[in-house]
């Protein structure tokens, strides 16, 4: 849903505090062994989030009514403050971890998994925000994620559903072809516009499996040694 600026940024302040509170409450009087167990379960929560991120993006945000409409609004206007408000995301994260496991195991393990999910979600929203608003160094992790997410937004084929990592895209075969390996002549510079309901509007036609990078990606692809940026990419900056 469309959020105010404060609503959009709230997760970046609230989630770290929640993670610290859960960690502090669990580890305040914990033994060394309990701390190690807590850390392993927390890491499991982070990894679990990356799978949830992939599944939610692929099957819920693109195929479930209402959710797909909200996600189409993001595809149509990537720079807008659109997302899940904190009063939705935080209870759902706690429901998946803390409230589900607390009564079945104990608070230490439940808080560890929940903290991992919270950190994973914080990782996701940070990378997603960076992909749309930052201009990272070309050798950085954020720049690689930015390019992959640009392909997700602009390719007519569905893919690159992972925002933080493409690991699950590789596992399930949904990685899109790297546009930097495609010759510039393959990009339809003057192709007629087509209507694509998936992104909620009209845009230039693309070749199958290739991406025309959206306007919010900025950079200098030549410095990477890849193919020269096609005209559609230059307004993004890749």
Protein backbone atom coordinates (compact mmCIF):
# COMPACT_ATOMS: atom_id res chain seq x y z
CA UNK A 1 0.00 0.00 0.00
CA UNK A 2 1.05 3.61 -0.50
CA UNK A 3 2.66 4.98 2.67
CA UNK A 4 3.64 8.35 4.02
CA UNK A 5 7.35 9.08 4.23
CA UNK A 6 7.33 8.38 7.97
CA UNK A 7 5.35 5.18 7.48
CA UNK A 8 7.77 4.01 4.80
CA UNK A 9 10.85 4.65 6.98
CA UNK A 10 9.34 3.32 10.23
CA UNK A 11 10.58 -0.25 9.69
CA UNK A 12 14.19 0.95 9.52
CA UNK A 13 13.90 2.29 13.09
CA UNK A 14 11.39 -0.08 14.72
CA UNK A 15 12.77 -3.43 13.54
CA UNK A 16 16.34 -2.94 14.88
CA UNK A 17 14.87 -1.99 18.27
CA UNK A 18 12.66 -5.09 18.25
CA UNK A 19 15.65 -7.27 17.36
CA UNK A 20 17.75 -5.76 20.14
CA UNK A 21 14.91 -6.16 22.64
CA UNK A 22 14.42 -9.83 21.75
CA UNK A 23 18.16 -10.53 21.87
CA UNK A 24 18.62 -8.67 25.15
CA UNK A 25 15.64 -10.35 26.78
CA UNK A 26 16.85 -13.79 25.73
CA UNK A 27 20.57 -13.54 26.37
CA UNK A 28 20.67 -11.36 29.50
CA UNK A 29 21.25 -14.35 31.80
CA UNK A 30 22.00 -17.03 29.21
CA UNK A 31 24.99 -19.35 29.42
CA UNK A 32 27.63 -19.55 26.70
CA UNK A 33 26.03 -22.71 25.28
CA UNK A 34 22.61 -21.04 25.23
CA UNK A 35 24.11 -18.05 23.43
CA UNK A 36 25.62 -20.32 20.78
CA UNK A 37 22.31 -22.14 20.31
CA UNK A 38 20.51 -18.80 20.10
CA UNK A 39 22.93 -17.56 17.43
CA UNK A 40 22.52 -20.71 15.31
CA UNK A 41 18.73 -20.52 15.47
CA UNK A 42 18.87 -16.78 14.67
CA UNK A 43 20.98 -17.54 11.57
CA UNK A 44 18.44 -20.20 10.61
CA UNK A 45 15.76 -17.52 10.85
CA UNK A 46 17.67 -15.26 8.46
CA UNK A 47 18.05 -18.10 5.93
CA UNK A 48 14.39 -19.00 6.39
CA UNK A 49 13.47 -15.41 5.57
CA UNK A 50 15.26 -15.58 2.19
CA UNK A 51 13.03 -18.53 1.22
CA UNK A 52 9.91 -16.78 2.52
CA UNK A 53 10.94 -13.67 0.57
CA UNK A 54 11.19 -15.69 -2.64
CA UNK A 55 7.90 -17.56 -2.15
CA UNK A 56 5.93 -14.48 -1.12
CA UNK A 57 7.27 -12.43 -4.02
CA UNK A 58 6.74 -15.13 -6.62
CA UNK A 59 3.38 -16.56 -5.60
CA UNK A 60 1.64 -13.95 -3.43
CA UNK A 61 2.70 -10.56 -4.79
CA UNK A 62 2.35 -11.66 -8.41
CA UNK A 63 -0.63 -14.02 -8.33
CA UNK A 64 -2.90 -13.46 -5.31
CA UNK A 65 -5.70 -10.93 -5.89
CA UNK A 66 -5.35 -7.63 -4.01
CA UNK A 67 -1.69 -8.32 -3.26
CA UNK A 68 -0.84 -8.44 -6.95
CA UNK A 69 -2.68 -5.14 -7.50
CA UNK A 70 -0.65 -3.46 -4.76
CA UNK A 71 2.53 -4.92 -6.23
CA UNK A 72 1.57 -3.73 -9.72
CA UNK A 73 1.37 -0.22 -8.28
CA UNK A 74 4.99 -0.60 -7.18
CA UNK A 75 6.02 -1.83 -10.63
CA UNK A 76 4.23 1.11 -12.22
CA UNK A 77 5.85 3.65 -9.88
CA UNK A 78 9.02 2.12 -8.35
CA UNK A 79 10.10 5.35 -6.64
CA UNK A 80 6.85 5.76 -4.71
CA UNK A 81 6.70 4.92 -0.99
CA UNK A 82 4.79 1.65 -1.41
CA UNK A 83 5.16 -1.26 0.97
CA UNK A 84 3.84 -3.04 4.04
CA UNK A 85 3.38 -0.77 7.07
CA UNK A 86 5.11 -1.71 10.32
CA UNK A 87 1.82 -2.53 12.00
CA UNK A 88 1.38 -5.30 9.41
CA UNK A 89 4.95 -6.59 8.93
CA UNK A 90 5.97 -6.79 12.59
CA UNK A 91 2.95 -8.79 13.87
CA UNK A 92 3.29 -11.20 10.94
CA UNK A 93 6.98 -11.76 11.69
CA UNK A 94 6.18 -12.37 15.36
CA UNK A 95 3.32 -14.69 14.41
CA UNK A 96 5.67 -16.78 12.24
CA UNK A 97 8.24 -17.11 15.02
CA UNK A 98 7.62 -15.87 18.54
CA UNK A 99 3.93 -16.58 19.07
CA UNK A 100 4.05 -19.92 17.22
CA UNK A 101 7.07 -21.40 18.99
CA UNK A 102 6.99 -19.86 22.46
CA UNK A 103 4.31 -22.18 23.80
CA UNK A 104 5.79 -25.25 22.08
CA UNK A 105 9.48 -24.84 22.99
CA UNK A 106 10.74 -21.90 25.05
CA UNK A 107 11.25 -18.16 24.81
CA UNK A 108 14.97 -18.38 24.03
CA UNK A 109 14.51 -20.47 20.89
CA UNK A 110 11.37 -18.65 19.81
CA UNK A 111 13.02 -15.25 20.22
CA UNK A 112 16.09 -16.42 18.31
CA UNK A 113 14.07 -17.51 15.28
CA UNK A 114 11.96 -14.35 15.41
CA UNK A 115 15.07 -12.17 15.62
CA UNK A 116 16.46 -13.96 12.57
CA UNK A 117 13.24 -13.33 10.65
CA UNK A 118 13.27 -9.68 11.70
CA UNK A 119 16.90 -9.29 10.62
CA UNK A 120 16.14 -11.04 7.33
CA UNK A 121 13.22 -8.73 6.66
CA UNK A 122 15.32 -5.71 7.59
CA UNK A 123 17.98 -6.96 5.15
CA UNK A 124 15.29 -7.27 2.47
CA UNK A 125 13.79 -3.80 2.86
CA UNK A 126 17.29 -2.25 2.98
CA UNK A 127 18.35 -3.94 -0.26
CA UNK A 128 15.03 -3.14 -1.91
CA UNK A 129 15.26 0.51 -0.91
CA UNK A 130 18.88 0.65 -2.11
CA UNK A 131 17.89 -0.92 -5.44
CA UNK A 132 15.48 1.91 -6.12
CA UNK A 133 17.12 4.91 -4.46
CA UNK A 134 20.88 4.41 -4.09
CA UNK A 135 23.70 4.64 -6.61
CA UNK A 136 26.16 2.10 -5.16
CA UNK A 137 29.69 1.34 -6.23
CA UNK A 138 29.76 -0.97 -9.26
CA UNK A 139 31.76 -3.64 -7.47
CA UNK A 140 29.46 -3.73 -4.48
CA UNK A 141 26.85 -6.26 -3.40
CA UNK A 142 24.16 -3.55 -3.58
CA UNK A 143 24.96 -2.81 -7.21
CA UNK A 144 24.64 -6.49 -8.18
CA UNK A 145 21.31 -6.68 -6.42
CA UNK A 146 20.22 -3.45 -8.11
CA UNK A 147 20.90 -4.87 -11.58
CA UNK A 148 19.08 -8.12 -10.83
CA UNK A 149 16.07 -6.30 -9.42
CA UNK A 150 16.00 -4.01 -12.47
CA UNK A 151 15.65 -7.11 -14.62
CA UNK A 152 12.73 -8.30 -12.49
CA UNK A 153 10.97 -4.98 -13.04
CA UNK A 154 11.60 -4.72 -16.76
CA UNK A 155 11.65 -8.22 -18.26
CA UNK A 156 8.49 -9.61 -19.80
CA UNK A 157 9.46 -13.00 -18.34
CA UNK A 158 8.88 -13.48 -14.64
CA UNK A 159 12.02 -14.12 -12.63
CA UNK A 160 14.65 -12.75 -10.25
CA UNK A 161 12.15 -12.89 -7.41
CA UNK A 162 14.85 -12.89 -4.76
CA UNK A 163 15.78 -9.36 -3.69
CA UNK A 164 18.50 -10.14 -1.15
CA UNK A 165 19.89 -13.16 -3.02
CA UNK A 166 19.27 -15.14 -6.20
CA UNK A 167 19.99 -18.43 -4.42
CA UNK A 168 16.38 -19.62 -4.53
CA UNK A 169 15.97 -18.37 -8.10
CA UNK A 170 18.84 -20.67 -9.05
CA UNK A 171 17.25 -23.55 -7.12
CA UNK A 172 13.84 -23.12 -8.77
CA UNK A 173 15.08 -22.04 -12.21
CA UNK A 174 13.75 -18.47 -12.30
CA UNK A 175 17.00 -16.56 -12.89
CA UNK A 176 16.70 -14.12 -15.80
CA UNK A 177 19.42 -13.85 -18.42
CA UNK A 178 22.07 -11.29 -17.50
CA UNK A 179 21.44 -8.24 -19.72
CA UNK A 180 25.11 -7.25 -19.64
CA UNK A 181 25.85 -10.30 -21.79
CA UNK A 182 23.37 -9.30 -24.50
CA UNK A 183 24.57 -7.31 -27.49
CA UNK A 184 23.11 -3.80 -27.68
CA UNK A 185 21.62 -4.56 -31.10
CA UNK A 186 19.28 -7.06 -29.42
CA UNK A 187 17.51 -4.30 -27.52
CA UNK A 188 14.47 -2.93 -29.39
CA UNK A 189 15.19 0.79 -29.28
CA UNK A 190 12.13 1.84 -31.29
CA UNK A 191 9.84 -1.10 -30.58
CA UNK A 192 6.14 -0.21 -30.36
CA UNK A 193 4.66 -0.05 -26.85
CA UNK A 194 2.77 -3.03 -25.51
CA UNK A 195 0.33 -3.33 -22.65
CA UNK A 196 1.62 -5.52 -19.86
CA UNK A 197 -0.94 -6.06 -17.11
CA UNK A 198 1.71 -7.56 -14.81
CA UNK A 199 3.40 -4.20 -14.36
CA UNK A 200 0.16 -2.26 -14.64
CA UNK A 201 0.70 -0.14 -17.72
CA UNK A 202 2.14 0.45 -21.17
CA UNK A 203 5.85 0.14 -21.82
CA UNK A 204 8.19 -0.54 -24.76
CA UNK A 205 8.28 -4.12 -26.02
CA UNK A 206 11.27 -6.23 -25.03
CA UNK A 207 12.83 -9.33 -26.48
CA UNK A 208 11.98 -12.52 -24.62
CA UNK A 209 14.19 -13.07 -21.59
CA UNK A 210 15.90 -9.67 -21.90
CA UNK A 211 15.41 -6.64 -19.72
CA UNK A 212 14.96 -2.99 -20.52
CA UNK A 213 16.15 -1.36 -17.34
CA UNK A 214 13.70 0.94 -15.57
CA UNK A 215 14.48 4.65 -15.00
CA UNK A 216 15.40 4.34 -11.34
CA UNK A 217 18.68 2.43 -11.93
CA UNK A 218 21.63 4.79 -12.33
CA UNK A 219 25.21 4.17 -13.37
CA UNK A 220 27.95 3.56 -15.87
CA UNK A 221 27.94 -0.01 -17.23
CA UNK A 222 30.94 0.59 -19.42
CA UNK A 223 33.15 0.83 -16.34
CA UNK A 224 32.25 -2.79 -15.56
CA UNK A 225 33.62 -3.99 -18.89
CA UNK A 226 30.18 -5.25 -19.96
CA UNK A 227 28.39 -4.45 -23.20
CA UNK A 228 27.67 -0.74 -23.73
CA UNK A 229 24.41 0.29 -22.12
CA UNK A 230 21.46 0.20 -24.50
CA UNK A 231 19.51 3.49 -24.68
CA UNK A 232 16.77 2.25 -22.35
CA UNK A 233 19.35 1.48 -19.66
CA UNK A 234 21.07 4.84 -19.72
CA UNK A 235 18.20 6.67 -18.08
CA UNK A 236 18.52 4.19 -15.21
CA UNK A 237 22.22 4.59 -14.91
CA UNK A 238 23.36 0.96 -15.22
